[in-house]
Full PDB file with SEQRES, HELIX, SHEET, SSBOND, CRYST1, ORIGX, SCALE, CONECT and MASTER records, all heavy atoms in Angstrom:
SEQRES   1 A   40  LEU LYS ARG ASP VAL ASP VAL ARG MET VAL TYR PHE PRO          
SEQRES   2 A   40  VAL THR HIS GLU ARG ASP ASP VAL PHE ALA GLU TYR ARG          
SEQRES   3 A   40  ILE PRO TYR ASP ASN SER ILE ALA ALA GLY ALA GLN ASN          
SEQRES   4 A   40  VAL                                                          
HELIX    1 AA1 ALA A   23  TYR A   25  5                                   3    
CRYST1    1.000    1.000    1.000  90.00  90.00  90.00 P 1           1          
ORIGX1      1.000000  0.000000  0.000000        0.00000                         
ORIGX2      0.000000  1.000000  0.000000        0.00000                         
ORIGX3      0.000000  0.000000  1.000000        0.00000                         
SCALE1      1.000000  0.000000  0.000000        0.00000                         
SCALE2      0.000000  1.000000  0.000000        0.00000                         
SCALE3      0.000000  0.000000  1.000000        0.00000                         
ATOM      1  N   LEU A   1      23.086 141.193  32.366  1.00  0.00           N  
ATOM      2  CA  LEU A   1      24.516 141.323  32.182  1.00  0.00           C  
ATOM      3  C   LEU A   1      24.861 142.733  31.665  1.00  0.00           C  
ATOM      4  O   LEU A   1      25.850 143.331  32.056  1.00  0.00           O  
ATOM      5  CB  LEU A   1      25.040 140.268  31.214  1.00  0.00           C  
ATOM      6  CG  LEU A   1      25.118 138.831  31.728  1.00  0.00           C  
ATOM      7  CD1 LEU A   1      25.627 137.922  30.627  1.00  0.00           C  
ATOM      8  CD2 LEU A   1      26.048 138.751  32.934  1.00  0.00           C  
ATOM      9  N   LYS A   2      24.033 143.236  30.794  1.00  0.00           N  
ATOM     10  CA  LYS A   2      24.238 144.581  30.268  1.00  0.00           C  
ATOM     11  C   LYS A   2      24.078 145.638  31.330  1.00  0.00           C  
ATOM     12  O   LYS A   2      24.596 146.761  31.200  1.00  0.00           O  
ATOM     13  CB  LYS A   2      23.260 144.875  29.106  1.00  0.00           C  
ATOM     14  CG  LYS A   2      23.416 143.935  27.917  1.00  0.00           C  
ATOM     15  CD  LYS A   2      22.287 144.140  26.934  1.00  0.00           C  
ATOM     16  CE  LYS A   2      22.292 143.089  25.827  1.00  0.00           C  
ATOM     17  NZ  LYS A   2      21.151 143.220  24.906  1.00  0.00           N  
ATOM     18  N   ARG A   3      23.358 145.306  32.382  1.00  0.00           N  
ATOM     19  CA  ARG A   3      23.131 146.234  33.472  1.00  0.00           C  
ATOM     20  C   ARG A   3      24.104 145.985  34.611  1.00  0.00           C  
ATOM     21  O   ARG A   3      23.920 146.457  35.739  1.00  0.00           O  
ATOM     22  CB  ARG A   3      21.708 146.132  33.985  1.00  0.00           C  
ATOM     23  CG  ARG A   3      20.626 146.613  32.999  1.00  0.00           C  
ATOM     24  CD  ARG A   3      20.725 148.131  32.838  1.00  0.00           C  
ATOM     25  NE  ARG A   3      19.578 148.651  32.111  1.00  0.00           N  
ATOM     26  CZ  ARG A   3      19.615 148.955  30.823  1.00  0.00           C  
ATOM     27  NH1 ARG A   3      20.711 148.730  30.122  1.00  0.00           N  
ATOM     28  NH2 ARG A   3      18.524 149.465  30.243  1.00  0.00           N  
ATOM     29  N   ASP A   4      25.166 145.200  34.351  1.00  0.00           N  
ATOM     30  CA  ASP A   4      26.206 144.891  35.358  1.00  0.00           C  
ATOM     31  C   ASP A   4      25.658 144.129  36.565  1.00  0.00           C  
ATOM     32  O   ASP A   4      26.145 144.279  37.692  1.00  0.00           O  
ATOM     33  CB  ASP A   4      26.887 146.175  35.834  1.00  0.00           C  
ATOM     34  CG  ASP A   4      27.754 146.815  34.744  1.00  0.00           C  
ATOM     35  OD1 ASP A   4      28.349 146.040  33.963  1.00  0.00           O  
ATOM     36  OD2 ASP A   4      27.789 148.043  34.677  1.00  0.00           O  
ATOM     37  N   VAL A   5      24.661 143.305  36.345  1.00  0.00           N  
ATOM     38  CA  VAL A   5      24.077 142.503  37.416  1.00  0.00           C  
ATOM     39  C   VAL A   5      24.737 141.128  37.387  1.00  0.00           C  
ATOM     40  O   VAL A   5      24.956 140.549  36.323  1.00  0.00           O  
ATOM     41  CB  VAL A   5      22.551 142.354  37.250  1.00  0.00           C  
ATOM     42  CG1 VAL A   5      21.979 141.388  38.268  1.00  0.00           C  
ATOM     43  CG2 VAL A   5      21.868 143.710  37.376  1.00  0.00           C  
ATOM     44  N   ASP A   6      25.080 140.603  38.559  1.00  0.00           N  
ATOM     45  CA  ASP A   6      25.608 139.235  38.661  1.00  0.00           C  
ATOM     46  C   ASP A   6      24.455 138.278  38.492  1.00  0.00           C  
ATOM     47  O   ASP A   6      23.580 138.158  39.347  1.00  0.00           O  
ATOM     48  CB  ASP A   6      26.263 139.063  40.052  1.00  0.00           C  
ATOM     49  CG  ASP A   6      26.858 137.676  40.211  1.00  0.00           C  
ATOM     50  OD1 ASP A   6      27.052 136.974  39.173  1.00  0.00           O  
ATOM     51  OD2 ASP A   6      27.134 137.273  41.361  1.00  0.00           O  
ATOM     52  N   VAL A   7      24.429 137.591  37.371  1.00  0.00           N  
ATOM     53  CA  VAL A   7      23.304 136.696  37.050  1.00  0.00           C  
ATOM     54  C   VAL A   7      23.806 135.317  36.716  1.00  0.00           C  
ATOM     55  O   VAL A   7      24.859 135.133  36.095  1.00  0.00           O  
ATOM     56  CB  VAL A   7      22.478 137.274  35.860  1.00  0.00           C  
ATOM     57  CG1 VAL A   7      23.350 137.455  34.619  1.00  0.00           C  
ATOM     58  CG2 VAL A   7      21.262 136.385  35.563  1.00  0.00           C  
ATOM     59  N   ARG A   8      23.078 134.299  37.152  1.00  0.00           N  
ATOM     60  CA  ARG A   8      23.452 132.894  36.896  1.00  0.00           C  
ATOM     61  C   ARG A   8      22.214 132.116  36.453  1.00  0.00           C  
ATOM     62  O   ARG A   8      21.143 132.232  37.063  1.00  0.00           O  
ATOM     63  CB  ARG A   8      23.996 132.231  38.171  1.00  0.00           C  
ATOM     64  CG  ARG A   8      25.039 133.061  38.932  1.00  0.00           C  
ATOM     65  CD  ARG A   8      26.379 133.112  38.232  1.00  0.00           C  
ATOM     66  NE  ARG A   8      27.292 133.995  38.926  1.00  0.00           N  
ATOM     67  CZ  ARG A   8      28.041 133.646  39.962  1.00  0.00           C  
ATOM     68  NH1 ARG A   8      27.944 132.416  40.450  1.00  0.00           N  
ATOM     69  NH2 ARG A   8      28.877 134.510  40.496  1.00  0.00           N  
ATOM     70  N   MET A   9      22.397 131.307  35.414  1.00  0.00           N  
ATOM     71  CA  MET A   9      21.339 130.351  35.066  1.00  0.00           C  
ATOM     72  C   MET A   9      21.500 129.116  35.932  1.00  0.00           C  
ATOM     73  O   MET A   9      22.611 128.680  36.236  1.00  0.00           O  
ATOM     74  CB  MET A   9      21.467 129.931  33.589  1.00  0.00           C  
ATOM     75  CG  MET A   9      21.402 131.057  32.551  1.00  0.00           C  
ATOM     76  SD  MET A   9      19.860 132.003  32.563  1.00  0.00           S  
ATOM     77  CE  MET A   9      18.667 130.727  32.206  1.00  0.00           C  
ATOM     78  N   VAL A  10      20.377 128.535  36.359  1.00  0.00           N  
ATOM     79  CA  VAL A  10      20.393 127.270  37.072  1.00  0.00           C  
ATOM     80  C   VAL A  10      19.461 126.327  36.311  1.00  0.00           C  
ATOM     81  O   VAL A  10      18.245 126.566  36.259  1.00  0.00           O  
ATOM     82  CB  VAL A  10      19.914 127.414  38.533  1.00  0.00           C  
ATOM     83  CG1 VAL A  10      20.002 126.071  39.238  1.00  0.00           C  
ATOM     84  CG2 VAL A  10      20.731 128.473  39.265  1.00  0.00           C  
ATOM     85  N   TYR A  11      20.037 125.295  35.688  1.00  0.00           N  
ATOM     86  CA  TYR A  11      19.251 124.421  34.823  1.00  0.00           C  
ATOM     87  C   TYR A  11      18.729 123.217  35.605  1.00  0.00           C  
ATOM     88  O   TYR A  11      19.444 122.608  36.398  1.00  0.00           O  
ATOM     89  CB  TYR A  11      20.088 123.957  33.643  1.00  0.00           C  
ATOM     90  CG  TYR A  11      20.555 125.081  32.745  1.00  0.00           C  
ATOM     91  CD1 TYR A  11      21.853 125.585  32.825  1.00  0.00           C  
ATOM     92  CD2 TYR A  11      19.668 125.675  31.846  1.00  0.00           C  
ATOM     93  CE1 TYR A  11      22.253 126.616  31.996  1.00  0.00           C  
ATOM     94  CE2 TYR A  11      20.073 126.710  31.036  1.00  0.00           C  
ATOM     95  CZ  TYR A  11      21.380 127.184  31.104  1.00  0.00           C  
ATOM     96  OH  TYR A  11      21.800 128.226  30.316  1.00  0.00           O  
ATOM     97  N   PHE A  12      17.460 122.882  35.349  1.00  0.00           N  
ATOM     98  CA  PHE A  12      16.810 121.774  36.015  1.00  0.00           C  
ATOM     99  C   PHE A  12      16.387 120.702  34.981  1.00  0.00           C  
ATOM    100  O   PHE A  12      15.858 121.069  33.923  1.00  0.00           O  
ATOM    101  CB  PHE A  12      15.581 122.243  36.792  1.00  0.00           C  
ATOM    102  CG  PHE A  12      15.946 123.077  37.990  1.00  0.00           C  
ATOM    103  CD1 PHE A  12      16.130 124.433  37.861  1.00  0.00           C  
ATOM    104  CD2 PHE A  12      16.088 122.482  39.235  1.00  0.00           C  
ATOM    105  CE1 PHE A  12      16.463 125.225  38.985  1.00  0.00           C  
ATOM    106  CE2 PHE A  12      16.404 123.244  40.368  1.00  0.00           C  
ATOM    107  CZ  PHE A  12      16.607 124.614  40.213  1.00  0.00           C  
ATOM    108  N   PRO A  13      16.608 119.406  35.279  1.00  0.00           N  
ATOM    109  CA  PRO A  13      17.244 118.886  36.481  1.00  0.00           C  
ATOM    110  C   PRO A  13      18.718 119.270  36.554  1.00  0.00           C  
ATOM    111  O   PRO A  13      19.400 119.380  35.517  1.00  0.00           O  
ATOM    112  CB  PRO A  13      17.047 117.366  36.360  1.00  0.00           C  
ATOM    113  CG  PRO A  13      16.908 117.137  34.890  1.00  0.00           C  
ATOM    114  CD  PRO A  13      16.208 118.334  34.334  1.00  0.00           C  
ATOM    115  N   VAL A  14      19.195 119.466  37.775  1.00  0.00           N  
ATOM    116  CA  VAL A  14      20.555 119.925  37.998  1.00  0.00           C  
ATOM    117  C   VAL A  14      21.540 118.792  37.702  1.00  0.00           C  
ATOM    118  O   VAL A  14      21.387 117.682  38.211  1.00  0.00           O  
ATOM    119  CB  VAL A  14      20.729 120.426  39.458  1.00  0.00           C  
ATOM    120  CG1 VAL A  14      22.204 120.777  39.713  1.00  0.00           C  
ATOM    121  CG2 VAL A  14      19.845 121.630  39.718  1.00  0.00           C  
ATOM    122  N   THR A  15      22.538 119.092  36.893  1.00  0.00           N  
ATOM    123  CA  THR A  15      23.657 118.175  36.654  1.00  0.00           C  
ATOM    124  C   THR A  15      24.919 119.018  36.647  1.00  0.00           C  
ATOM    125  O   THR A  15      24.875 120.222  36.811  1.00  0.00           O  
ATOM    126  CB  THR A  15      23.532 117.435  35.295  1.00  0.00           C  
ATOM    127  OG1 THR A  15      23.748 118.394  34.246  1.00  0.00           O  
ATOM    128  CG2 THR A  15      22.169 116.814  35.134  1.00  0.00           C  
ATOM    129  N   HIS A  16      26.041 118.378  36.442  1.00  0.00           N  
ATOM    130  CA  HIS A  16      27.297 119.118  36.405  1.00  0.00           C  
ATOM    131  C   HIS A  16      27.686 119.452  34.961  1.00  0.00           C  
ATOM    132  O   HIS A  16      28.806 119.921  34.705  1.00  0.00           O  
ATOM    133  CB  HIS A  16      28.413 118.347  37.095  1.00  0.00           C  
ATOM    134  CG  HIS A  16      28.225 118.221  38.575  1.00  0.00           C  
ATOM    135  ND1 HIS A  16      28.368 119.318  39.421  1.00  0.00           N  
ATOM    136  CD2 HIS A  16      27.846 117.182  39.346  1.00  0.00           C  
ATOM    137  CE1 HIS A  16      28.122 118.937  40.661  1.00  0.00           C  
ATOM    138  NE2 HIS A  16      27.807 117.649  40.653  1.00  0.00           N  
ATOM    139  N   GLU A  17      26.800 119.208  34.031  1.00  0.00           N  
ATOM    140  CA  GLU A  17      27.074 119.490  32.624  1.00  0.00           C  
ATOM    141  C   GLU A  17      26.418 120.812  32.227  1.00  0.00           C  
ATOM    142  O   GLU A  17      25.351 121.186  32.711  1.00  0.00           O  
ATOM    143  CB  GLU A  17      26.502 118.379  31.734  1.00  0.00           C  
ATOM    144  CG  GLU A  17      27.135 117.018  31.984  1.00  0.00           C  
ATOM    145  CD  GLU A  17      26.541 115.947  31.081  1.00  0.00           C  
ATOM    146  OE1 GLU A  17      25.622 116.294  30.299  1.00  0.00           O  
ATOM    147  OE2 GLU A  17      26.976 114.796  31.178  1.00  0.00           O  
ATOM    148  N   ARG A  18      27.098 121.508  31.349  1.00  0.00           N  
ATOM    149  CA  ARG A  18      26.571 122.782  30.868  1.00  0.00           C  
ATOM    150  C   ARG A  18      25.461 122.527  29.879  1.00  0.00           C  
ATOM    151  O   ARG A  18      25.485 121.592  29.096  1.00  0.00           O  
ATOM    152  CB  ARG A  18      27.687 123.595  30.183  1.00  0.00           C  
ATOM    153  CG  ARG A  18      27.234 124.957  29.676  1.00  0.00           C  
ATOM    154  CD  ARG A  18      28.348 125.695  28.950  1.00  0.00           C  
ATOM    155  NE  ARG A  18      27.889 127.020  28.530  1.00  0.00           N  
ATOM    156  CZ  ARG A  18      27.973 128.097  29.292  1.00  0.00           C  
ATOM    157  NH1 ARG A  18      28.503 128.007  30.480  1.00  0.00           N  
ATOM    158  NH2 ARG A  18      27.532 129.247  28.852  1.00  0.00           N  
ATOM    159  N   ASP A  19      24.441 123.403  29.894  1.00  0.00           N  
ATOM    160  CA  ASP A  19      23.361 123.352  28.903  1.00  0.00           C  
ATOM    161  C   ASP A  19      23.787 124.202  27.707  1.00  0.00           C  
ATOM    162  O   ASP A  19      23.992 125.405  27.819  1.00  0.00           O  
ATOM    163  CB  ASP A  19      22.084 123.920  29.519  1.00  0.00           C  
ATOM    164  CG  ASP A  19      20.879 123.767  28.569  1.00  0.00           C  
ATOM    165  OD1 ASP A  19      20.977 124.264  27.443  1.00  0.00           O  
ATOM    166  OD2 ASP A  19      19.887 123.132  28.965  1.00  0.00           O  
ATOM    167  N   ASP A  20      23.949 123.574  26.552  1.00  0.00           N  
ATOM    168  CA  ASP A  20      24.475 124.284  25.377  1.00  0.00           C  
ATOM    169  C   ASP A  20      23.412 124.706  24.375  1.00  0.00           C  
ATOM    170  O   ASP A  20      23.720 125.147  23.286  1.00  0.00           O  
ATOM    171  CB  ASP A  20      25.521 123.398  24.655  1.00  0.00           C  
ATOM    172  CG  ASP A  20      26.788 123.219  25.486  1.00  0.00           C  
ATOM    173  OD1 ASP A  20      27.146 124.187  26.188  1.00  0.00           O  
ATOM    174  OD2 ASP A  20      27.375 122.127  25.433  1.00  0.00           O  
ATOM    175  N   VAL A  21      22.116 124.531  24.746  1.00  0.00           N  
ATOM    176  CA  VAL A  21      21.047 124.880  23.806  1.00  0.00           C  
ATOM    177  C   VAL A  21      21.109 126.366  23.469  1.00  0.00           C  
ATOM    178  O   VAL A  21      20.879 126.773  22.324  1.00  0.00           O  
ATOM    179  CB  VAL A  21      19.696 124.512  24.420  1.00  0.00           C  
ATOM    180  CG1 VAL A  21      18.561 125.021  23.529  1.00  0.00           C  
ATOM    181  CG2 VAL A  21      19.585 122.999  24.556  1.00  0.00           C  
ATOM    182  N   PHE A  22      21.419 127.213  24.474  1.00  0.00           N  
ATOM    183  CA  PHE A  22      21.517 128.645  24.253  1.00  0.00           C  
ATOM    184  C   PHE A  22      22.944 129.134  24.506  1.00  0.00           C  
ATOM    185  O   PHE A  22      23.160 130.182  25.133  1.00  0.00           O  
ATOM    186  CB  PHE A  22      20.535 129.396  25.147  1.00  0.00           C  
ATOM    187  CG  PHE A  22      19.096 129.181  24.761  1.00  0.00           C  
ATOM    188  CD1 PHE A  22      18.294 128.299  25.452  1.00  0.00           C  
ATOM    189  CD2 PHE A  22      18.545 129.870  23.664  1.00  0.00           C  
ATOM    190  CE1 PHE A  22      16.985 128.089  25.095  1.00  0.00           C  
ATOM    191  CE2 PHE A  22      17.219 129.671  23.303  1.00  0.00           C  
ATOM    192  CZ  PHE A  22      16.436 128.775  24.014  1.00  0.00           C  
ATOM    193  N   ALA A  23      23.924 128.368  24.077  1.00  0.00           N  
ATOM    194  CA  ALA A  23      25.322 128.701  24.324  1.00  0.00           C  
ATOM    195  C   ALA A  23      25.698 130.076  23.733  1.00  0.00           C  
ATOM    196  O   ALA A  23      26.592 130.739  24.238  1.00  0.00           O  
ATOM    197  CB  ALA A  23      26.242 127.630  23.750  1.00  0.00           C  
ATOM    198  N   GLU A  24      24.980 130.489  22.659  1.00  0.00           N  
ATOM    199  CA  GLU A  24      25.314 131.750  22.027  1.00  0.00           C  
ATOM    200  C   GLU A  24      25.122 132.956  22.937  1.00  0.00           C  
ATOM    201  O   GLU A  24      25.695 134.021  22.707  1.00  0.00           O  
ATOM    202  CB  GLU A  24      24.528 131.946  20.716  1.00  0.00           C  
ATOM    203  CG  GLU A  24      23.044 132.162  20.878  1.00  0.00           C  
ATOM    204  CD  GLU A  24      22.222 130.891  20.854  1.00  0.00           C  
ATOM    205  OE1 GLU A  24      22.793 129.825  21.155  1.00  0.00           O  
ATOM    206  OE2 GLU A  24      21.039 130.952  20.502  1.00  0.00           O  
ATOM    207  N   TYR A  25      24.294 132.808  23.983  1.00  0.00           N  
ATOM    208  CA  TYR A  25      24.073 133.911  24.898  1.00  0.00           C  
ATOM    209  C   TYR A  25      25.195 134.064  25.918  1.00  0.00           C  
ATOM    210  O   TYR A  25      25.343 135.086  26.550  1.00  0.00           O  
ATOM    211  CB  TYR A  25      22.734 133.719  25.628  1.00  0.00           C  
ATOM    212  CG  TYR A  25      21.532 134.060  24.801  1.00  0.00           C  
ATOM    213  CD1 TYR A  25      20.897 133.126  24.021  1.00  0.00           C  
ATOM    214  CD2 TYR A  25      21.034 135.361  24.764  1.00  0.00           C  
ATOM    215  CE1 TYR A  25      19.773 133.448  23.225  1.00  0.00           C  
ATOM    216  CE2 TYR A  25      19.939 135.701  23.999  1.00  0.00           C  
ATOM    217  CZ  TYR A  25      19.317 134.727  23.237  1.00  0.00           C  
ATOM    218  OH  TYR A  25      18.230 135.071  22.474  1.00  0.00           O  
ATOM    219  N   ARG A  26      25.988 133.017  26.104  1.00  0.00           N  
ATOM    220  CA  ARG A  26      27.143 133.021  26.991  1.00  0.00           C  
ATOM    221  C   ARG A  26      26.791 133.517  28.387  1.00  0.00           C  
ATOM    222  O   ARG A  26      27.432 134.444  28.926  1.00  0.00           O  
ATOM    223  CB  ARG A  26      28.276 133.878  26.391  1.00  0.00           C  
ATOM    224  CG  ARG A  26      28.695 133.394  25.029  1.00  0.00           C  
ATOM    225  CD  ARG A  26      29.892 134.161  24.451  1.00  0.00           C  
ATOM    226  NE  ARG A  26      30.170 133.752  23.110  1.00  0.00           N  
ATOM    227  CZ  ARG A  26      30.890 132.676  22.755  1.00  0.00           C  
ATOM    228  NH1 ARG A  26      31.368 131.889  23.696  1.00  0.00           N  
ATOM    229  NH2 ARG A  26      31.095 132.373  21.499  1.00  0.00           N  
ATOM    230  N   ILE A  27      25.772 132.934  28.992  1.00  0.00           N  
ATOM    231  CA  ILE A  27      25.336 133.302  30.342  1.00  0.00           C  
ATOM    232  C   ILE A  27      26.021 132.420  31.361  1.00  0.00           C  
ATOM    233  O   ILE A  27      26.054 131.203  31.201  1.00  0.00           O  
ATOM    234  CB  ILE A  27      23.813 133.161  30.471  1.00  0.00           C  
ATOM    235  CG1 ILE A  27      23.067 133.882  29.327  1.00  0.00           C  
ATOM    236  CG2 ILE A  27      23.346 133.701  31.818  1.00  0.00           C  
ATOM    237  CD1 ILE A  27      23.339 135.363  29.267  1.00  0.00           C  
ATOM    238  N   PRO A  28      26.591 132.973  32.426  1.00  0.00           N  
ATOM    239  CA  PRO A  28      27.163 132.147  33.489  1.00  0.00           C  
ATOM    240  C   PRO A  28      26.089 131.268  34.072  1.00  0.00           C  
ATOM    241  O   PRO A  28      24.909 131.613  34.093  1.00  0.00           O  
ATOM    242  CB  PRO A  28      27.655 133.174  34.519  1.00  0.00           C  
ATOM    243  CG  PRO A  28      27.809 134.449  33.755  1.00  0.00           C  
ATOM    244  CD  PRO A  28      26.729 134.407  32.713  1.00  0.00           C  
ATOM    245  N   TYR A  29      26.496 130.076  34.590  1.00  0.00           N  
ATOM    246  CA  TYR A  29      25.508 129.172  35.161  1.00  0.00           C  
ATOM    247  C   TYR A  29      26.054 128.598  36.473  1.00  0.00           C  
ATOM    248  O   TYR A  29      27.269 128.626  36.745  1.00  0.00           O  
ATOM    249  CB  TYR A  29      25.137 128.066  34.206  1.00  0.00           C  
ATOM    250  CG  TYR A  29      26.203 127.019  34.011  1.00  0.00           C  
ATOM    251  CD1 TYR A  29      26.150 125.795  34.687  1.00  0.00           C  
ATOM    252  CD2 TYR A  29      27.292 127.224  33.150  1.00  0.00           C  
ATOM    253  CE1 TYR A  29      27.112 124.817  34.513  1.00  0.00           C  
ATOM    254  CE2 TYR A  29      28.274 126.256  32.958  1.00  0.00           C  
ATOM    255  CZ  TYR A  29      28.192 125.074  33.638  1.00  0.00           C  
ATOM    256  OH  TYR A  29      29.164 124.118  33.476  1.00  0.00           O  
ATOM    257  N   ASP A  30      25.170 128.105  37.305  1.00  0.00           N  
ATOM    258  CA  ASP A  30      25.537 127.526  38.584  1.00  0.00           C  
ATOM    259  C   ASP A  30      24.667 126.289  38.834  1.00  0.00           C  
ATOM    260  O   ASP A  30      23.609 126.167  38.224  1.00  0.00           O  
ATOM    261  CB  ASP A  30      25.355 128.541  39.702  1.00  0.00           C  
ATOM    262  CG  ASP A  30      26.381 128.355  40.816  1.00  0.00           C  
ATOM    263  OD1 ASP A  30      26.768 127.204  41.060  1.00  0.00           O  
ATOM    264  OD2 ASP A  30      26.785 129.363  41.440  1.00  0.00           O  
ATOM    265  N   ASN A  31      25.118 125.430  39.744  1.00  0.00           N  
ATOM    266  CA  ASN A  31      24.348 124.242  40.055  1.00  0.00           C  
ATOM    267  C   ASN A  31      23.656 124.335  41.401  1.00  0.00           C  
ATOM    268  O   ASN A  31      23.009 123.393  41.872  1.00  0.00           O  
ATOM    269  CB  ASN A  31      25.253 123.006  40.048  1.00  0.00           C  
ATOM    270  CG  ASN A  31      25.714 122.644  38.632  1.00  0.00           C  
ATOM    271  OD1 ASN A  31      24.975 122.805  37.684  1.00  0.00           O  
ATOM    272  ND2 ASN A  31      26.961 122.222  38.526  1.00  0.00           N  
ATOM    273  N   SER A  32      23.796 125.505  42.070  1.00  0.00           N  
ATOM    274  CA  SER A  32      23.154 125.676  43.362  1.00  0.00           C  
ATOM    275  C   SER A  32      22.755 127.144  43.500  1.00  0.00           C  
ATOM    276  O   SER A  32      23.234 128.019  42.744  1.00  0.00           O  
ATOM    277  CB  SER A  32      24.116 125.290  44.508  1.00  0.00           C  
ATOM    278  OG  SER A  32      25.288 126.100  44.488  1.00  0.00           O  
ATOM    279  N   ILE A  33      21.901 127.431  44.465  1.00  0.00           N  
ATOM    280  CA  ILE A  33      21.371 128.777  44.660  1.00  0.00           C  
ATOM    281  C   ILE A  33      21.729 129.235  46.069  1.00  0.00           C  
ATOM    282  O   ILE A  33      21.375 128.592  47.054  1.00  0.00           O  
ATOM    283  CB  ILE A  33      19.831 128.789  44.487  1.00  0.00           C  
ATOM    284  CG1 ILE A  33      19.472 128.362  43.067  1.00  0.00           C  
ATOM    285  CG2 ILE A  33      19.272 130.179  44.774  1.00  0.00           C  
ATOM    286  CD1 ILE A  33      17.987 128.132  42.845  1.00  0.00           C  
ATOM    287  N   ALA A  34      22.484 130.335  46.157  1.00  0.00           N  
ATOM    288  CA  ALA A  34      22.830 130.905  47.437  1.00  0.00           C  
ATOM    289  C   ALA A  34      21.645 131.714  47.975  1.00  0.00           C  
ATOM    290  O   ALA A  34      21.234 132.702  47.352  1.00  0.00           O  
ATOM    291  CB  ALA A  34      24.074 131.792  47.319  1.00  0.00           C  
ATOM    292  N   ALA A  35      21.106 131.319  49.086  1.00  0.00           N  
ATOM    293  CA  ALA A  35      19.820 131.877  49.550  1.00  0.00           C  
ATOM    294  C   ALA A  35      19.996 133.089  50.466  1.00  0.00           C  
ATOM    295  O   ALA A  35      19.306 133.223  51.486  1.00  0.00           O  
ATOM    296  CB  ALA A  35      19.018 130.822  50.268  1.00  0.00           C  
ATOM    297  N   GLY A  36      20.878 134.027  50.137  1.00  0.00           N  
ATOM    298  CA  GLY A  36      21.029 135.242  50.937  1.00  0.00           C  
ATOM    299  C   GLY A  36      19.888 136.208  50.722  1.00  0.00           C  
ATOM    300  O   GLY A  36      19.227 136.191  49.673  1.00  0.00           O  
ATOM    301  N   ALA A  37      19.658 137.071  51.704  1.00  0.00           N  
ATOM    302  CA  ALA A  37      18.551 138.031  51.602  1.00  0.00           C  
ATOM    303  C   ALA A  37      18.719 139.019  50.469  1.00  0.00           C  
ATOM    304  O   ALA A  37      17.768 139.600  49.994  1.00  0.00           O  
ATOM    305  CB  ALA A  37      18.398 138.771  52.944  1.00  0.00           C  
ATOM    306  N   GLN A  38      19.978 139.227  50.029  1.00  0.00           N  
ATOM    307  CA  GLN A  38      20.231 140.180  48.947  1.00  0.00           C  
ATOM    308  C   GLN A  38      20.017 139.541  47.574  1.00  0.00           C  
ATOM    309  O   GLN A  38      19.975 140.248  46.565  1.00  0.00           O  
ATOM    310  CB  GLN A  38      21.657 140.724  49.037  1.00  0.00           C  
ATOM    311  CG  GLN A  38      22.743 139.772  48.549  1.00  0.00           C  
ATOM    312  CD  GLN A  38      23.102 138.697  49.586  1.00  0.00           C  
ATOM    313  OE1 GLN A  38      22.436 138.559  50.582  1.00  0.00           O  
ATOM    314  NE2 GLN A  38      24.154 137.925  49.311  1.00  0.00           N  
ATOM    315  N   ASN A  39      19.869 138.228  47.536  1.00  0.00           N  
ATOM    316  CA  ASN A  39      19.778 137.532  46.248  1.00  0.00           C  
ATOM    317  C   ASN A  39      18.326 137.344  45.814  1.00  0.00           C  
ATOM    318  O   ASN A  39      17.397 137.493  46.593  1.00  0.00           O  
ATOM    319  CB  ASN A  39      20.460 136.158  46.330  1.00  0.00           C  
ATOM    320  CG  ASN A  39      21.948 136.302  46.562  1.00  0.00           C  
ATOM    321  OD1 ASN A  39      22.533 137.329  46.252  1.00  0.00           O  
ATOM    322  ND2 ASN A  39      22.553 135.282  47.117  1.00  0.00           N  
ATOM    323  N   VAL A  40      18.172 137.022  44.531  1.00  0.00           N  
ATOM    324  CA  VAL A  40      16.821 136.883  43.930  1.00  0.00           C  
ATOM    325  C   VAL A  40      16.760 135.591  43.123  1.00  0.00           C  
ATOM    326  O   VAL A  40      17.702 135.263  42.385  1.00  0.00           O  
ATOM    327  CB  VAL A  40      16.515 138.075  42.993  1.00  0.00           C  
ATOM    328  CG1 VAL A  40      15.160 137.917  42.348  1.00  0.00           C  
ATOM    329  CG2 VAL A  40      16.603 139.409  43.754  1.00  0.00           C  
TER     330      VAL A  40                                                      
MASTER        0    0    0    1    0    0    0    6  329    1    0    4          
END                                                                             
């Protein structure tokens, strides 16, 4: 995030609830992974 990179956490097992264990880091999260060639 500090390097202006679009980053998302994906928590497993996947649910529609946010994982609050590390809420203090305020990292965006997603429930799916877009498999484009530009993504990692």
